[in-house]
């Protein structure tokens, strides 16, 4: 079940490892789309705007945990490539303690700052009450998010991407069933949608944790082996904190853009909420491929196979460009039909704005695909700081242009949509120039 990516054809190794990750996140995005569809159809545009803004916030909070887990996973991948089981187990102990403590603090801060979120995100009065109720429940699932992402990262680090798929699939299907039960049958509104998500998160998080401790030889640590090496803790913190910064800066930028979107009112908020779901679904495969590529690089970096890294990088870039072009064409052609999955045909203004967003941003998915590869490359080569630099370039440009262009009356909200691909391509250029000069 584990994939050793230091051997065999490079693209075959990456694709074989990436496929379960892509399939799992497709199911997750199907849930996100189903959640948006259920809320939009049964609870109306106001609830859709509330849940959509909450989704952006939760993506930011999740990105902090995901970054920490991905960073520790990179450390484990390198040790796995070296064949160093002792240091691998030391890394598991140290990373679990580090991320567990940070998760507790994050959860406390989320509840304490709940009322300040409205000011930060510029949430309109008519949306806030439903959004606040939704967040009060959804924050209870932060610890479950940590459990799933931590153990999924560990399993993927040693080449096992199938088991995380299984638990994610169970969670996604259960989520949809519970959504329908709480929202449609019990009429619990946005609170019911949040409760469905939290229940499914805990089932997948606890389940994958139990499996990892009981069934994986590399991760099955005896009590006498469970001690913290502070040198190991510092090394993991170097990977994890910088990867966390990269992930959180990326999503903080998106959160700041959400604030600009909210200032244009509930119609634009609802259009953005639906279009972002389509957007995420469209480029999610290249995001997962970028994570698989990172594991490939990390294992070969640990095994000191430099030529294999160079060959893998060239093949990965070509694959991402081809995929990005194909998906961009599909989204451009079917933009209106995709929006109609979430919004009633009578909501013409919302549909029109969503279509405009998709036909601007959706034309440039190859840009975000290459950026995901660059993030994974520099993280795996022990240069997570470079990933942060690329994120700052991409999101800094996006946020700056979103605020500046949207303030021009002749441009308005369209300026927010155009800011996105411009930021992607500027970061891509910087990342490829750095690679060319250093490697």
Protein backbone atom coordinates (compact mmCIF):
# COMPACT_ATOMS: atom_id res chain seq x y z
CA UNK A 1 0.00 0.00 0.00
CA UNK A 2 3.01 2.31 0.57
CA UNK A 3 4.55 3.84 -2.57
CA UNK A 4 8.35 4.18 -2.71
CA UNK A 5 8.85 7.10 -5.09
CA UNK A 6 12.63 6.79 -5.16
CA UNK A 7 12.26 3.88 -7.60
CA UNK A 8 10.59 3.33 -10.99
CA UNK A 9 9.24 5.76 -13.62
CA UNK A 10 8.93 9.28 -12.18
CA UNK A 11 5.53 10.31 -13.60
CA UNK A 12 4.00 6.91 -12.93
CA UNK A 13 5.12 7.11 -9.29
CA UNK A 14 3.67 10.60 -8.83
CA UNK A 15 0.39 9.88 -10.59
CA UNK A 16 -0.10 6.56 -8.79
CA UNK A 17 0.42 8.30 -5.46
CA UNK A 18 -1.60 11.41 -6.39
CA UNK A 19 -4.68 9.59 -7.71
CA UNK A 20 -6.16 8.62 -4.30
CA UNK A 21 -5.50 12.16 -3.04
CA UNK A 22 -7.25 13.65 -6.06
CA UNK A 23 -10.16 11.24 -5.77
CA UNK A 24 -10.51 11.95 -2.06
CA UNK A 25 -10.56 15.69 -2.51
CA UNK A 26 -12.97 15.37 -5.41
CA UNK A 27 -15.31 13.70 -2.95
CA UNK A 28 -14.60 16.48 -0.43
CA UNK A 29 -15.37 19.12 -3.04
CA UNK A 30 -18.51 17.20 -3.97
CA UNK A 31 -19.52 17.57 -0.34
CA UNK A 32 -18.69 21.30 -0.37
CA UNK A 33 -20.76 21.70 -3.52
CA UNK A 34 -23.60 19.64 -2.06
CA UNK A 35 -23.47 21.73 1.11
CA UNK A 36 -23.65 24.95 -0.90
CA UNK A 37 -26.39 23.51 -3.11
CA UNK A 38 -28.49 22.40 -0.10
CA UNK A 39 -28.07 25.74 1.68
CA UNK A 40 -28.66 27.78 -1.48
CA UNK A 41 -31.72 25.82 -2.59
CA UNK A 42 -33.45 25.24 0.75
CA UNK A 43 -32.37 28.22 2.87
CA UNK A 44 -31.99 31.00 0.28
CA UNK A 45 -29.38 33.59 -0.82
CA UNK A 46 -28.95 35.08 2.68
CA UNK A 47 -27.96 31.75 4.20
CA UNK A 48 -25.75 31.01 1.19
CA UNK A 49 -23.90 34.30 1.70
CA UNK A 50 -23.45 33.52 5.43
CA UNK A 51 -22.16 30.00 4.86
CA UNK A 52 -19.98 31.14 1.92
CA UNK A 53 -18.23 33.78 4.02
CA UNK A 54 -17.84 31.26 6.85
CA UNK A 55 -16.29 28.78 4.43
CA UNK A 56 -13.60 31.32 3.50
CA UNK A 57 -12.83 31.91 7.19
CA UNK A 58 -12.70 28.19 7.98
CA UNK A 59 -10.43 27.64 5.00
CA UNK A 60 -8.04 30.15 6.55
CA UNK A 61 -8.12 28.46 9.98
CA UNK A 62 -7.77 25.01 8.43
CA UNK A 63 -4.82 26.25 6.37
CA UNK A 64 -2.90 26.98 9.58
CA UNK A 65 -3.31 23.37 10.73
CA UNK A 66 -2.77 22.02 7.23
CA UNK A 67 0.48 23.96 6.89
CA UNK A 68 1.78 22.62 10.20
CA UNK A 69 0.84 19.06 9.23
CA UNK A 70 2.31 19.35 5.73
CA UNK A 71 5.56 20.69 7.16
CA UNK A 72 5.90 17.79 9.59
CA UNK A 73 4.97 15.42 6.75
CA UNK A 74 7.88 16.77 4.69
CA UNK A 75 10.26 16.02 7.56
CA UNK A 76 8.87 12.47 7.80
CA UNK A 77 9.17 11.99 4.01
CA UNK A 78 12.84 12.93 4.05
CA UNK A 79 13.55 10.55 6.95
CA UNK A 80 11.60 7.82 5.13
CA UNK A 81 13.69 8.41 1.99
CA UNK A 82 16.85 8.12 4.11
CA UNK A 83 15.58 4.88 5.67
CA UNK A 84 16.09 6.41 9.13
CA UNK A 85 13.31 4.80 11.22
CA UNK A 86 14.62 6.10 14.57
CA UNK A 87 14.53 9.75 13.50
CA UNK A 88 11.21 9.15 11.76
CA UNK A 89 9.62 8.02 15.03
CA UNK A 90 11.23 10.90 16.92
CA UNK A 91 9.65 13.23 14.36
CA UNK A 92 6.21 11.70 14.84
CA UNK A 93 6.33 12.27 18.63
CA UNK A 94 7.68 15.81 18.38
CA UNK A 95 5.32 16.94 15.61
CA UNK A 96 2.23 15.55 17.33
CA UNK A 97 2.97 17.43 20.56
CA UNK A 98 3.80 20.66 18.71
CA UNK A 99 0.71 20.72 16.50
CA UNK A 100 -1.61 19.47 19.25
CA UNK A 101 -0.69 22.39 21.52
CA UNK A 102 -1.02 24.93 18.70
CA UNK A 103 -4.43 23.51 17.79
CA UNK A 104 -5.72 24.07 21.32
CA UNK A 105 -4.60 27.71 21.23
CA UNK A 106 -6.13 28.21 17.78
CA UNK A 107 -9.47 26.84 18.92
CA UNK A 108 -9.53 29.10 21.98
CA UNK A 109 -8.71 32.19 19.92
CA UNK A 110 -11.40 31.33 17.37
CA UNK A 111 -14.12 31.37 20.03
CA UNK A 112 -12.76 34.44 21.85
CA UNK A 113 -12.57 36.51 18.66
CA UNK A 114 -15.90 35.39 17.21
CA UNK A 115 -17.56 38.80 17.53
CA UNK A 116 -14.56 40.62 16.03
CA UNK A 117 -14.83 38.57 12.84
CA UNK A 118 -17.78 40.60 11.59
CA UNK A 119 -15.75 43.84 11.67
CA UNK A 120 -12.75 42.24 10.00
CA UNK A 121 -14.79 40.68 7.19
CA UNK A 122 -17.19 43.63 6.79
CA UNK A 123 -20.16 41.28 7.07
CA UNK A 124 -23.51 43.03 6.39
CA UNK A 125 -26.07 43.19 9.22
CA UNK A 126 -28.60 41.01 7.39
CA UNK A 127 -26.06 38.18 7.04
CA UNK A 128 -24.25 38.30 10.39
CA UNK A 129 -26.74 36.53 12.68
CA UNK A 130 -26.85 33.39 10.55
CA UNK A 131 -23.09 33.50 10.00
CA UNK A 132 -22.43 33.85 13.74
CA UNK A 133 -24.69 30.89 14.55
CA UNK A 134 -22.96 28.78 11.90
CA UNK A 135 -19.46 29.63 13.15
CA UNK A 136 -20.30 28.98 16.81
CA UNK A 137 -20.95 25.34 15.87
CA UNK A 138 -18.34 24.85 13.15
CA UNK A 139 -15.50 25.98 15.44
CA UNK A 140 -16.16 22.88 17.55
CA UNK A 141 -14.70 20.82 14.70
CA UNK A 142 -11.25 22.46 14.65
CA UNK A 143 -9.71 19.70 16.77
CA UNK A 144 -11.18 17.04 14.46
CA UNK A 145 -9.62 18.88 11.51
CA UNK A 146 -6.25 18.61 13.24
CA UNK A 147 -6.62 14.87 13.81
CA UNK A 148 -7.50 14.09 10.21
CA UNK A 149 -4.89 16.34 8.58
CA UNK A 150 -2.08 15.30 10.94
CA UNK A 151 -2.49 11.56 10.46
CA UNK A 152 -3.28 11.90 6.75
CA UNK A 153 -0.01 13.82 6.33
CA UNK A 154 1.93 11.12 8.17
CA UNK A 155 0.45 8.34 6.07
CA UNK A 156 1.12 10.21 2.83
CA UNK A 157 4.68 10.95 3.97
CA UNK A 158 5.44 7.22 3.98
CA UNK A 159 3.70 6.72 0.62
CA UNK A 160 0.20 5.73 1.76
CA UNK A 161 -2.43 7.91 0.11
CA UNK A 162 -5.17 5.26 0.02
CA UNK A 163 -6.17 5.15 3.70
CA UNK A 164 -6.70 8.95 3.93
CA UNK A 165 -8.95 8.57 0.87
CA UNK A 166 -11.06 5.95 2.65
CA UNK A 167 -11.65 8.08 5.74
CA UNK A 168 -12.24 11.23 3.70
CA UNK A 169 -14.77 9.37 1.56
CA UNK A 170 -16.69 8.19 4.61
CA UNK A 171 -16.68 11.73 6.00
CA UNK A 172 -17.87 13.32 2.73
CA UNK A 173 -20.74 10.88 2.19
CA UNK A 174 -21.82 11.08 5.83
CA UNK A 175 -21.68 14.87 5.63
CA UNK A 176 -24.11 14.99 2.72
CA UNK A 177 -26.53 12.58 4.41
CA UNK A 178 -26.46 14.53 7.67
CA UNK A 179 -26.81 17.83 5.79
CA UNK A 180 -30.02 16.64 4.19
CA UNK A 181 -31.27 15.27 7.51
CA UNK A 182 -30.57 18.39 9.58
CA UNK A 183 -31.47 21.02 6.96
CA UNK A 184 -34.29 19.46 4.92
CA UNK A 185 -35.93 17.06 7.40
CA UNK A 186 -35.29 18.66 10.82
CA UNK A 187 -35.35 22.26 9.49
CA UNK A 188 -32.36 23.28 11.62
CA UNK A 189 -31.09 25.87 9.13
CA UNK A 190 -27.43 26.86 8.98
CA UNK A 191 -26.83 25.49 12.48
CA UNK A 192 -27.88 22.06 11.23
CA UNK A 193 -25.50 22.31 8.27
CA UNK A 194 -22.66 23.15 10.68
CA UNK A 195 -23.56 20.29 13.03
CA UNK A 196 -23.51 17.83 10.12
CA UNK A 197 -20.00 18.95 9.20
CA UNK A 198 -18.64 18.68 12.75
CA UNK A 199 -20.03 15.17 13.32
CA UNK A 200 -18.54 13.89 10.05
CA UNK A 201 -15.18 15.55 10.85
CA UNK A 202 -14.87 13.79 14.20
CA UNK A 203 -15.70 10.40 12.73
CA UNK A 204 -12.98 10.70 10.07
CA UNK A 205 -10.44 12.34 12.42
CA UNK A 206 -10.73 9.82 15.24
CA UNK A 207 -10.95 6.92 12.79
CA UNK A 208 -7.74 7.73 10.91
CA UNK A 209 -5.91 8.39 14.20
CA UNK A 210 -6.82 4.96 15.57
CA UNK A 211 -5.87 3.27 12.29
CA UNK A 212 -2.47 5.00 12.15
CA UNK A 213 -1.44 4.13 15.68
CA UNK A 214 -2.63 0.53 15.45
CA UNK A 215 -1.84 -0.56 11.91
CA UNK A 216 1.15 1.31 10.44
CA UNK A 217 4.57 -0.18 11.39
CA UNK A 218 6.46 3.09 10.84
CA UNK A 219 3.99 5.03 12.97
CA UNK A 220 3.32 2.42 15.66
CA UNK A 221 5.43 3.87 18.46
CA UNK A 222 6.05 2.05 21.72
CA UNK A 223 5.84 3.91 25.02
CA UNK A 224 9.61 3.80 25.57
CA UNK A 225 10.13 5.37 22.12
CA UNK A 226 7.75 8.23 22.82
CA UNK A 227 10.11 10.95 24.03
CA UNK A 228 10.78 14.43 22.73
CA UNK A 229 14.13 15.29 21.17
CA UNK A 230 14.35 19.08 21.24
CA UNK A 231 16.74 19.16 18.29
CA UNK A 232 14.15 17.21 16.32
CA UNK A 233 11.42 19.56 17.56
CA UNK A 234 13.36 22.58 16.30
CA UNK A 235 13.91 21.00 12.89
CA UNK A 236 10.23 20.11 12.54
CA UNK A 237 9.23 23.59 13.71
CA UNK A 238 11.41 25.01 10.92
CA UNK A 239 9.49 23.00 8.33
CA UNK A 240 6.07 23.29 9.93
CA UNK A 241 6.00 26.94 10.96
CA UNK A 242 7.19 28.24 7.59
CA UNK A 243 4.79 25.94 5.72
CA UNK A 244 2.06 27.12 8.09
CA UNK A 245 2.97 30.74 7.35
CA UNK A 246 2.86 30.02 3.62
CA UNK A 247 -0.56 28.34 3.85
CA UNK A 248 -2.05 30.88 6.25
CA UNK A 249 -0.70 33.90 4.34
CA UNK A 250 -2.25 32.44 1.19
CA UNK A 251 -5.63 32.06 2.83
CA UNK A 252 -5.35 35.31 4.80
CA UNK A 253 -5.06 37.03 1.45
CA UNK A 254 -8.21 35.24 0.31
CA UNK A 255 -9.89 36.30 3.55
CA UNK A 256 -8.93 39.94 2.94
CA UNK A 257 -10.35 39.65 -0.56
CA UNK A 258 -13.54 38.24 1.00
CA UNK A 259 -13.79 41.50 2.94
CA UNK A 260 -13.70 43.50 -0.31
CA UNK A 261 -16.30 41.18 -1.83
CA UNK A 262 -18.57 41.61 1.19
CA UNK A 263 -18.47 45.39 0.79
CA UNK A 264 -20.34 44.99 -2.51
CA UNK A 265 -23.39 43.46 -0.79
CA UNK A 266 -25.26 40.15 -0.55
CA UNK A 267 -25.65 39.63 -4.33
CA UNK A 268 -21.89 39.65 -4.99
CA UNK A 269 -21.31 37.63 -1.78
CA UNK A 270 -23.69 34.90 -2.97
CA UNK A 271 -22.16 34.85 -6.46
CA UNK A 272 -18.67 34.60 -5.00
CA UNK A 273 -19.72 31.84 -2.56
CA UNK A 274 -21.03 29.67 -5.41
CA UNK A 275 -18.28 30.48 -7.93
CA UNK A 276 -15.47 29.80 -5.44
CA UNK A 277 -16.83 26.27 -4.92
CA UNK A 278 -16.67 25.66 -8.68
CA UNK A 279 -13.23 27.25 -8.79
CA UNK A 280 -11.88 25.04 -6.00
CA UNK A 281 -13.31 21.94 -7.63
CA UNK A 282 -11.71 22.84 -10.96
CA UNK A 283 -8.12 23.33 -9.79
CA UNK A 284 -8.20 20.94 -6.82
CA UNK A 285 -6.59 18.05 -8.81
CA UNK A 286 -3.48 20.13 -9.54
CA UNK A 287 -3.31 21.15 -5.88
CA UNK A 288 -3.28 17.49 -4.84
CA UNK A 289 -0.82 16.68 -7.59
CA UNK A 290 1.40 19.42 -6.18
CA UNK A 291 1.27 17.77 -2.74
CA UNK A 292 2.07 14.37 -4.26
CA UNK A 293 4.91 15.99 -6.18
CA UNK A 294 6.23 17.42 -2.91
CA UNK A 295 6.34 13.94 -1.34
CA UNK A 296 8.11 12.65 -4.46
CA UNK A 297 10.72 15.41 -4.19
CA UNK A 298 11.17 14.96 -0.41
CA UNK A 299 11.72 11.18 -0.63
CA UNK A 300 14.23 11.58 -3.47
CA UNK A 301 15.91 14.49 -1.70
CA UNK A 302 16.38 12.26 1.34
CA UNK A 303 17.73 9.51 -0.94
CA UNK A 304 20.03 12.08 -2.66
CA UNK A 305 18.69 11.36 -6.18
CA UNK A 306 19.14 14.79 -7.76
CA UNK A 307 18.73 13.79 -11.40
CA UNK A 308 15.45 12.04 -10.60
CA UNK A 309 14.24 15.28 -9.00
CA UNK A 310 15.04 17.30 -12.14
CA UNK A 311 13.32 14.78 -14.44
CA UNK A 312 10.27 14.66 -12.18
CA UNK A 313 10.00 18.46 -12.08
CA UNK A 314 10.00 18.80 -15.87
CA UNK A 315 7.35 16.11 -16.28
CA UNK A 316 5.17 17.58 -13.54
CA UNK A 317 5.18 21.06 -15.09
CA UNK A 318 4.11 19.67 -18.47
CA UNK A 319 1.30 17.63 -16.91
CA UNK A 320 -0.04 20.64 -14.99
CA UNK A 321 -0.01 22.90 -18.06
CA UNK A 322 -1.98 20.40 -20.15
CA UNK A 323 -4.52 19.79 -17.39
CA UNK A 324 -4.93 23.52 -16.68
CA UNK A 325 -5.72 24.36 -20.30
CA UNK A 326 -8.31 21.58 -20.61
CA UNK A 327 -10.13 22.56 -17.40
CA UNK A 328 -10.08 26.26 -18.30
CA UNK A 329 -11.86 25.52 -21.57
CA UNK A 330 -14.51 23.42 -19.79
CA UNK A 331 -15.21 26.08 -17.13
CA UNK A 332 -15.38 28.88 -19.71
CA UNK A 333 -17.90 27.02 -21.87
CA UNK A 334 -20.12 25.74 -19.05
CA UNK A 335 -19.85 28.67 -16.61
CA UNK A 336 -23.58 29.50 -16.61
CA UNK A 337 -24.66 25.86 -16.32
CA UNK A 338 -22.30 25.40 -13.37
CA UNK A 339 -23.74 28.45 -11.58
CA UNK A 340 -27.26 27.11 -12.09
CA UNK A 341 -26.34 24.11 -9.94
CA UNK A 342 -26.30 26.43 -6.92
CA UNK A 343 -28.54 29.35 -7.78
CA UNK A 344 -32.17 29.40 -8.91
CA UNK A 345 -32.55 30.58 -12.51
CA UNK A 346 -34.56 33.58 -11.30
CA UNK A 347 -31.54 35.05 -9.48
CA UNK A 348 -30.18 36.54 -12.70
CA UNK A 349 -27.86 39.11 -11.10
CA UNK A 350 -26.14 36.51 -8.93
CA UNK A 351 -25.71 34.13 -11.87
CA UNK A 352 -24.32 36.86 -14.13
CA UNK A 353 -21.71 37.92 -11.56
CA UNK A 354 -20.68 34.31 -10.93
CA UNK A 355 -20.28 33.65 -14.65
CA UNK A 356 -18.13 36.76 -15.02
CA UNK A 357 -15.88 35.58 -12.16
CA UNK A 358 -15.48 32.10 -13.67
CA UNK A 359 -14.69 33.38 -17.16
CA UNK A 360 -11.95 35.66 -15.87
CA UNK A 361 -10.26 33.53 -13.22
CA UNK A 362 -11.13 30.21 -14.81
CA UNK A 363 -9.19 31.03 -17.97
CA UNK A 364 -5.86 30.83 -16.12
CA UNK A 365 -5.82 27.60 -14.11
CA UNK A 366 -2.40 26.68 -15.50
CA UNK A 367 -1.05 29.60 -13.45
CA UNK A 368 -2.28 28.27 -10.10
CA UNK A 369 -1.23 24.73 -11.12
CA UNK A 370 2.41 25.75 -11.60
CA UNK A 371 2.30 27.70 -8.34
CA UNK A 372 1.21 24.59 -6.42
CA UNK A 373 4.16 22.70 -7.92
CA UNK A 374 6.57 25.43 -6.85
CA UNK A 375 5.18 25.44 -3.31
CA UNK A 376 5.69 21.67 -3.08
CA UNK A 377 9.15 21.81 -4.65
CA UNK A 378 10.66 24.34 -2.28
CA UNK A 379 8.99 22.80 0.77
CA UNK A 380 10.50 19.41 -0.08
CA UNK A 381 13.96 20.83 -0.80
CA UNK A 382 14.10 22.31 2.69
CA UNK A 383 13.40 25.83 1.41
CA UNK A 384 9.92 26.53 2.85
CA UNK A 385 10.88 30.18 3.15
CA UNK A 386 10.83 30.42 -0.65
CA UNK A 387 7.26 29.11 -0.65
CA UNK A 388 6.39 31.94 1.72
CA UNK A 389 8.01 34.47 -0.63
CA UNK A 390 5.99 33.16 -3.59
CA UNK A 391 2.80 33.29 -1.54
CA UNK A 392 3.47 36.87 -0.50
CA UNK A 393 4.04 37.83 -4.15
CA UNK A 394 0.88 36.06 -5.31
CA UNK A 395 -1.45 37.15 -2.50
CA UNK A 396 0.12 40.55 -1.97
CA UNK A 397 -0.54 41.39 -5.61
CA UNK A 398 -4.04 39.94 -5.39
CA UNK A 399 -5.04 41.88 -2.28
CA UNK A 400 -3.45 45.16 -3.42
CA UNK A 401 -5.04 45.05 -6.86
CA UNK A 402 -8.40 43.92 -5.46
CA UNK A 403 -8.59 46.97 -3.19
CA UNK A 404 -7.18 49.43 -5.75
CA UNK A 405 -9.06 48.29 -8.85
CA UNK A 406 -12.40 47.72 -7.15
CA UNK A 407 -12.31 51.30 -5.86
CA UNK A 408 -12.30 52.62 -9.45
CA UNK A 409 -15.98 53.16 -10.41
CA UNK A 410 -15.41 52.17 -14.03
CA UNK A 411 -13.93 48.79 -12.94
CA UNK A 412 -15.67 47.88 -9.68
CA UNK A 413 -15.93 44.24 -8.65
CA UNK A 414 -14.32 43.02 -11.90
CA UNK A 415 -11.03 44.34 -10.58
CA UNK A 416 -11.19 41.76 -7.76
CA UNK A 417 -11.58 38.95 -10.27
CA UNK A 418 -8.68 40.11 -12.46
CA UNK A 419 -6.35 40.53 -9.48
CA UNK A 420 -6.28 36.76 -8.95
CA UNK A 421 -4.57 35.46 -12.15
CA UNK A 422 -2.19 38.43 -12.21
CA UNK A 423 -0.93 37.41 -8.77
CA UNK A 424 -0.55 33.77 -9.84
CA UNK A 425 1.62 34.57 -12.84
CA UNK A 426 3.89 37.04 -11.06
CA UNK A 427 4.63 34.38 -8.41
CA UNK A 428 5.21 31.72 -11.11
CA UNK A 429 7.77 33.92 -12.85
CA UNK A 430 9.64 34.52 -9.59
CA UNK A 431 9.58 30.82 -8.68
CA UNK A 432 10.91 29.58 -12.02
CA UNK A 433 13.64 32.23 -12.13
CA UNK A 434 14.82 31.19 -8.66
CA UNK A 435 14.81 27.49 -9.64
CA UNK A 436 16.75 28.22 -12.81
CA UNK A 437 19.38 30.25 -10.97
CA UNK A 438 19.87 27.85 -8.04
CA UNK A 439 19.24 24.34 -9.36
